[in-house]
Protein backbone atom coordinates (compact mmCIF):
# COMPACT_ATOMS: atom_id res chain seq x y z
CA UNK A 1 4.83 5.92 22.22
CA UNK A 2 6.87 4.86 25.15
CA UNK A 3 6.47 0.67 26.07
CA UNK A 4 5.41 1.97 29.78
CA UNK A 5 2.98 4.20 28.82
CA UNK A 6 0.96 2.23 26.40
CA UNK A 7 1.33 -1.10 28.88
CA UNK A 8 -0.14 1.80 31.66
CA UNK A 9 -2.90 1.95 28.87
CA UNK A 10 -3.82 -1.41 28.85
CA UNK A 11 -3.96 -2.17 31.96
CA UNK A 12 -6.05 1.05 32.53
CA UNK A 13 -8.67 -0.19 30.21
CA UNK A 14 -8.69 -4.24 31.11
CA UNK A 15 -9.31 -2.77 35.01
CA UNK A 16 -11.75 -0.64 32.96
CA UNK A 17 -13.30 -3.74 31.16
CA UNK A 18 -13.79 -5.62 34.61
CA UNK A 19 -15.21 -2.58 36.62
CA UNK A 20 -19.16 -4.08 37.33
CA UNK A 21 -20.12 -0.48 38.41
CA UNK A 22 -19.61 0.80 34.99
CA UNK A 23 -23.00 -0.01 32.67
CA UNK A 24 -21.48 -2.97 30.31
CA UNK A 25 -22.18 -0.37 27.15
CA UNK A 26 -20.17 2.10 28.26
CA UNK A 27 -16.92 0.18 29.25
CA UNK A 28 -16.89 -1.39 25.71
CA UNK A 29 -17.19 1.82 24.63
CA UNK A 30 -14.28 3.01 26.58
CA UNK A 31 -12.75 -0.44 25.24
CA UNK A 32 -12.99 0.45 21.60
CA UNK A 33 -11.57 4.31 22.39
CA UNK A 34 -8.62 3.30 24.44
CA UNK A 35 -7.84 0.57 21.60
CA UNK A 36 -8.26 3.17 18.92
CA UNK A 37 -5.81 5.57 20.50
CA UNK A 38 -3.17 3.19 20.93
CA UNK A 39 -3.44 1.94 17.00
CA UNK A 40 -3.47 5.65 16.16
CA UNK A 41 0.52 5.94 18.15
CA UNK A 42 3.21 4.62 16.89
CA UNK A 43 3.63 1.18 17.71
CA UNK A 44 5.75 -2.08 18.62
CA UNK A 45 4.26 -5.45 17.28
CA UNK A 46 3.26 -6.27 21.23
CA UNK A 47 1.34 -2.84 21.47
CA UNK A 48 -0.59 -4.46 18.34
CA UNK A 49 -1.47 -7.69 20.17
CA UNK A 50 -2.70 -5.56 23.33
CA UNK A 51 -5.01 -4.02 20.74
CA UNK A 52 -6.69 -6.70 19.62
CA UNK A 53 -7.11 -7.99 22.83
CA UNK A 54 -8.58 -4.62 23.77
CA UNK A 55 -11.29 -5.48 20.91
CA UNK A 56 -11.70 -8.73 22.44
CA UNK A 57 -12.53 -7.87 26.07
CA UNK A 58 -14.79 -5.04 24.29
CA UNK A 59 -17.14 -7.46 22.21
CA UNK A 60 -17.30 -9.95 25.47
CA UNK A 61 -18.70 -7.04 27.62
CA UNK A 62 -20.98 -5.72 24.77
CA UNK A 63 -24.54 -5.71 25.14
CA UNK A 64 -25.75 -8.17 22.89
CA UNK A 65 -28.96 -5.94 21.95
CA UNK A 66 -26.00 -3.05 20.75
CA UNK A 67 -25.71 -4.32 17.30
CA UNK A 68 -24.01 -1.08 15.88
CA UNK A 69 -21.49 -1.25 18.83
CA UNK A 70 -20.37 -4.65 18.27
CA UNK A 71 -19.88 -3.74 14.66
CA UNK A 72 -17.58 -1.06 15.33
CA UNK A 73 -15.32 -3.14 17.56
CA UNK A 74 -15.57 -5.82 14.98
CA UNK A 75 -14.62 -3.18 12.39
CA UNK A 76 -11.80 -1.13 14.27
CA UNK A 77 -10.51 -5.45 15.48
CA UNK A 78 -10.35 -5.65 11.53
CA UNK A 79 -7.88 -2.79 11.09
CA UNK A 80 -6.09 -3.83 13.88
CA UNK A 81 -5.47 -7.34 12.04
CA UNK A 82 -4.72 -5.78 9.38
CA UNK A 83 -1.86 -4.32 10.69
CA UNK A 84 -0.24 -7.24 12.49
CA UNK A 85 2.55 -9.44 11.30
CA UNK A 86 1.74 -12.45 10.56
CA UNK A 87 0.40 -15.33 8.30
CA UNK A 88 -2.93 -15.91 6.27
CA UNK A 89 -4.99 -16.58 9.22
CA UNK A 90 -4.31 -13.00 10.61
CA UNK A 91 -6.79 -12.03 7.48
CA UNK A 92 -9.00 -14.60 7.32
CA UNK A 93 -9.97 -13.34 10.84
CA UNK A 94 -10.41 -9.80 9.67
CA UNK A 95 -12.67 -11.01 6.91
CA UNK A 96 -14.36 -12.82 8.80
CA UNK A 97 -14.83 -9.61 11.45
CA UNK A 98 -15.26 -7.46 8.35
CA UNK A 99 -18.17 -9.38 7.13
CA UNK A 100 -19.97 -9.29 10.78
CA UNK A 101 -19.63 -5.75 11.16
CA UNK A 102 -20.61 -5.10 7.53
CA UNK A 103 -24.14 -5.24 6.84
CA UNK A 104 -24.60 -3.68 10.23
CA UNK A 105 -22.77 -0.93 9.20
CA UNK A 106 -24.33 -0.17 6.28
CA UNK A 107 -27.90 -0.12 7.63
CA UNK A 108 -27.43 1.85 11.19
CA UNK A 109 -24.03 3.30 10.91
CA UNK A 110 -22.82 5.86 8.48
CA UNK A 111 -22.06 5.65 4.98
CA UNK A 112 -17.91 6.67 5.04
CA UNK A 113 -17.31 3.54 8.02
CA UNK A 114 -19.42 1.36 6.16
CA UNK A 115 -17.04 2.07 3.13
CA UNK A 116 -14.15 1.65 5.39
CA UNK A 117 -15.08 -1.59 6.19
CA UNK A 118 -15.33 -2.04 2.57
CA UNK A 119 -11.97 -0.83 1.88
CA UNK A 120 -10.20 -3.24 4.15
CA UNK A 121 -12.17 -6.23 3.12
CA UNK A 122 -10.74 -5.49 -0.13
CA UNK A 123 -7.10 -4.91 1.31
CA UNK A 124 -7.58 -8.55 3.36
CA UNK A 125 -9.23 -10.13 0.13
CA UNK A 126 -6.37 -8.90 -1.59
CA UNK A 127 -3.64 -10.16 1.18
CA UNK A 128 -5.28 -13.43 0.64
CA UNK A 129 -5.33 -13.30 -3.06
CA UNK A 130 -1.88 -12.81 -3.20
CA UNK A 131 -1.01 -15.96 -1.37
CA UNK A 132 -3.62 -18.04 -3.56
CA UNK A 133 -6.54 -17.76 -1.02
CA UNK A 134 -8.80 -15.39 -2.61
CA UNK A 135 -9.90 -14.49 -6.04
CA UNK A 136 -8.78 -11.53 -7.17
CA UNK A 137 -12.04 -10.46 -8.57
CA UNK A 138 -13.69 -10.29 -5.05
CA UNK A 139 -11.03 -7.76 -3.79
CA UNK A 140 -11.74 -5.42 -6.95
CA UNK A 141 -15.72 -5.75 -6.30
CA UNK A 142 -14.96 -4.38 -2.70
CA UNK A 143 -12.69 -1.48 -3.65
CA UNK A 144 -15.55 -0.55 -6.42
CA UNK A 145 -18.27 -0.77 -4.05
CA UNK A 146 -16.46 1.79 -1.79
CA UNK A 147 -15.28 4.70 -4.60
CA UNK A 148 -19.78 5.01 -4.49
CA UNK A 149 -18.54 6.81 -0.79
CA UNK A 150 -15.23 7.91 -1.07
CA UNK A 151 -15.57 10.24 -4.37
CA UNK A 152 -12.45 12.24 -5.65
CA UNK A 153 -13.99 15.60 -4.91
CA UNK A 154 -14.71 15.17 -1.04
CA UNK A 155 -12.27 12.20 0.10
CA UNK A 156 -9.41 12.54 -2.55
CA UNK A 157 -7.29 10.70 0.04
CA UNK A 158 -9.13 7.57 0.10
CA UNK A 159 -10.32 7.83 -3.37
CA UNK A 160 -6.31 7.87 -4.22
CA UNK A 161 -5.72 4.66 -1.92
CA UNK A 162 -8.51 2.86 -3.36
CA UNK A 163 -7.07 3.26 -7.27
CA UNK A 164 -3.35 2.24 -5.80
CA UNK A 165 -5.17 -0.85 -4.65
CA UNK A 166 -7.31 -1.20 -7.44
CA UNK A 167 -3.70 -0.74 -9.61
CA UNK A 168 -1.89 -3.23 -7.81
CA UNK A 169 -5.29 -5.80 -7.89
CA UNK A 170 -5.09 -5.89 -11.46
CA UNK A 171 -1.77 -6.24 -12.12
CA UNK A 172 -1.40 -9.15 -9.74
CA UNK A 173 -4.23 -11.07 -11.78
CA UNK A 174 -3.01 -13.82 -13.63
CA UNK A 175 -5.05 -14.11 -17.45
CA UNK A 176 -4.09 -14.57 -20.65
CA UNK A 177 -2.59 -12.18 -23.00
CA UNK A 178 -5.53 -9.97 -24.72
CA UNK A 179 -7.01 -9.62 -20.85
CA UNK A 180 -3.18 -9.05 -19.19
CA UNK A 181 -2.80 -5.72 -21.38
CA UNK A 182 -6.10 -4.64 -20.80
CA UNK A 183 -5.53 -4.71 -17.09
CA UNK A 184 -1.93 -3.48 -17.58
CA UNK A 185 -3.93 -0.30 -19.11
CA UNK A 186 -6.72 -0.57 -16.45
CA UNK A 187 -3.77 -0.05 -13.17
CA UNK A 188 -2.65 2.48 -15.33
CA UNK A 189 -5.92 4.23 -15.61
CA UNK A 190 -6.14 4.04 -12.00
CA UNK A 191 -2.67 5.23 -11.18
CA UNK A 192 -3.79 8.49 -13.15
CA UNK A 193 -7.34 8.54 -11.67
CA UNK A 194 -5.43 8.85 -8.41
CA UNK A 195 -3.01 11.83 -8.92
CA UNK A 196 -5.87 13.76 -10.85
CA UNK A 197 -7.53 13.87 -7.21
CA UNK A 198 -4.56 14.21 -5.00
CA UNK A 199 -1.64 17.07 -5.17
CA UNK A 200 1.88 17.17 -4.38
CA UNK A 201 1.17 20.09 -1.23
CA UNK A 202 -1.70 18.29 0.05
CA UNK A 203 -0.88 14.82 0.07
CA UNK A 204 3.10 14.28 -0.39
CA UNK A 205 3.56 11.11 0.57
CA UNK A 206 0.17 9.50 -1.34
CA UNK A 207 1.39 11.69 -4.96
CA UNK A 208 5.23 10.33 -4.66
CA UNK A 209 3.98 6.46 -3.78
CA UNK A 210 1.40 6.52 -6.74
CA UNK A 211 4.14 8.66 -9.39
CA UNK A 212 6.53 5.70 -8.84
CA UNK A 213 3.82 2.34 -8.70
CA UNK A 214 2.72 4.45 -12.35
CA UNK A 215 5.55 4.67 -13.75
CA UNK A 216 6.47 0.53 -13.17
CA UNK A 217 3.30 0.38 -14.27
CA UNK A 218 3.97 1.77 -17.65
CA UNK A 219 7.68 0.67 -17.65
CA UNK A 220 6.49 -3.01 -17.45
CA UNK A 221 3.62 -2.64 -19.23
CA UNK A 222 3.27 -4.90 -22.41
CA UNK A 223 2.38 -2.02 -24.55
CA UNK A 224 3.21 -1.78 -28.29
CA UNK A 225 5.12 1.69 -27.19
CA UNK A 226 8.15 0.76 -24.94
CA UNK A 227 10.12 3.87 -25.58
CA UNK A 228 6.71 5.82 -25.31
CA UNK A 229 6.26 4.11 -22.02
CA UNK A 230 9.73 4.56 -20.69
CA UNK A 231 9.96 8.30 -21.32
CA UNK A 232 6.34 8.62 -19.21
CA UNK A 233 7.93 6.32 -16.83
CA UNK A 234 10.55 8.61 -16.20
CA UNK A 235 8.52 11.43 -15.85
CA UNK A 236 6.35 9.98 -13.34
CA UNK A 237 10.23 8.82 -11.54
CA UNK A 238 10.78 12.35 -11.17
CA UNK A 239 7.95 13.38 -10.03
CA UNK A 240 8.10 10.85 -6.89
CA UNK A 241 11.35 12.36 -6.31
CA UNK A 242 10.20 15.84 -5.66
CA UNK A 243 9.03 14.19 -2.21
CA UNK A 244 11.48 11.19 -1.93
CA UNK A 245 14.68 13.12 -1.46
CA UNK A 246 17.88 11.08 -0.40
CA UNK A 247 18.02 12.76 3.47
CA UNK A 248 14.34 12.77 4.06
CA UNK A 249 13.49 9.17 2.51
CA UNK A 250 16.51 7.63 2.15
CA UNK A 251 14.37 4.10 1.12
CA UNK A 252 11.54 5.55 -0.96
CA UNK A 253 14.34 7.77 -3.05
CA UNK A 254 16.87 4.31 -3.54
CA UNK A 255 13.75 2.25 -4.38
CA UNK A 256 12.65 5.14 -7.33
CA UNK A 257 15.79 5.94 -8.52
CA UNK A 258 16.47 1.58 -9.06
CA UNK A 259 13.41 2.04 -10.66
CA UNK A 260 14.79 5.11 -13.12
CA UNK A 261 17.50 3.07 -13.92
CA UNK A 262 15.77 0.22 -14.91
CA UNK A 263 14.24 2.39 -17.48
CA UNK A 264 17.08 3.94 -18.73
CA UNK A 265 18.53 0.30 -19.46
CA UNK A 266 15.64 -0.04 -21.86
CA UNK A 267 15.57 3.32 -23.26
CA UNK A 268 17.79 4.35 -26.45
CA UNK A 269 19.60 7.88 -26.58
CA UNK A 270 18.22 9.35 -29.32
CA UNK A 271 14.47 7.70 -29.75
CA UNK A 272 14.22 8.74 -33.18
CA UNK A 273 17.06 7.18 -34.26
CA UNK A 274 17.30 3.83 -31.56
CA UNK A 275 20.01 2.00 -33.83
CA UNK A 276 22.76 4.10 -32.03
CA UNK A 277 22.42 2.61 -29.12
CA UNK A 278 21.70 3.69 -25.56
CA UNK A 279 25.75 4.29 -23.95
CA UNK A 280 24.62 7.66 -22.29
CA UNK A 281 21.25 6.07 -21.10
CA UNK A 282 23.70 2.98 -19.96
CA UNK A 283 25.67 5.13 -18.15
CA UNK A 284 22.92 7.28 -16.40
CA UNK A 285 21.42 3.87 -14.89
CA UNK A 286 24.86 2.97 -13.32
CA UNK A 287 25.04 5.75 -11.79
CA UNK A 288 21.60 5.37 -9.84
CA UNK A 289 22.05 1.96 -9.09
CA UNK A 290 25.32 2.52 -7.26
CA UNK A 291 23.47 5.30 -5.46
CA UNK A 292 20.60 2.89 -5.00
CA UNK A 293 23.14 0.06 -3.59
CA UNK A 294 24.89 2.50 -1.16
CA UNK A 295 21.57 3.18 0.48
CA UNK A 296 20.32 0.24 0.56
CA UNK A 297 23.42 -1.08 2.08
CA UNK A 298 23.71 1.67 4.57
CA UNK A 299 20.08 0.93 5.74
CA UNK A 300 20.45 -3.09 6.17
CA UNK A 301 18.18 -3.74 3.42
CA UNK A 302 20.88 -6.06 1.93
CA UNK A 303 18.30 -8.35 0.48
CA UNK A 304 17.76 -5.22 -2.17
CA UNK A 305 21.24 -4.13 -2.00
CA UNK A 306 21.83 -7.44 -3.56
CA UNK A 307 19.32 -7.08 -6.38
CA UNK A 308 20.80 -3.85 -7.18
CA UNK A 309 24.18 -5.20 -7.71
CA UNK A 310 23.31 -7.56 -10.04
CA UNK A 311 21.65 -5.05 -12.25
CA UNK A 312 24.35 -3.02 -11.73
CA UNK A 313 26.69 -5.72 -12.99
CA UNK A 314 24.48 -6.44 -15.88
CA UNK A 315 24.44 -2.83 -17.00
CA UNK A 316 28.11 -2.61 -16.74
CA UNK A 317 28.33 -5.72 -19.18
CA UNK A 318 25.87 -3.78 -21.74
CA UNK A 319 27.95 -0.66 -21.50
CA UNK A 320 31.46 -2.47 -22.31
CA UNK A 321 29.51 -4.47 -24.69
CA UNK A 322 28.51 -1.38 -26.49
CA UNK A 323 31.47 0.48 -25.61
CA UNK A 324 33.57 -2.22 -27.53
CA UNK A 325 31.45 -1.78 -30.76
CA UNK A 326 31.75 2.17 -30.74
């Protein structure tokens, strides 16, 4: 979307908001529709600021008695806030909007829009929890509540996203040793549940994201079976690479192959005879790290390029060490 088009629509929306010849409820509804339209297109940060302003204008002109329209405006504003870069104050504002909207949506709206509001509140709470400003279980409860509506058979994409978010929340919680193992297992189960609901053909981006995340959860879990988990992780990464190709999705491809390299570093060449070492897998890891480092450098992701370089140097040292032994 060009900046000129966005600016034109924004100015038209503002004129609509202030046109007293149009009934207030109609003005609020038009503002909401224009804001939603702007949100759905490619946008710049300043476009999102305009979208937020349109929702606020809509709330100002919305008649007090139209509680459902007011709730929908609040829920829409929350989605715009969640997409807006900023500090935790943006997330806190989104939570406030959703908590104002949700009781009305649950009473007067439809089940899907109420569940979407719960899913978005969970997302905002999860962001706050990462910053230490909310408990992770609050986000988990919101996701589970939304799953009562967004079932695997009727809403596979939403179901998969919710389970991905649940898994991320489980892995972010700080608990004791026994609880840590349990939440790691719950995270793996969530990823697997999501992958049973969607297909590669229907939802390729989500499928690849979930396979990549499943691989990470398996690789870094504190399991008593690390070799088996790493083998399963490699399978998941290979599935992700059916979508994440170097030509179509270079950044995502580099992320996944660097994850693969991490798993290979810790995998013996012969799982039945781990004492023989893993010189072959280390060699494969080196190739993957080199490719990932180059891609990250080319795409300007220098922080990631630097991290991969550190892992590459460490792996080369392991290759030299095992080579001298053999």
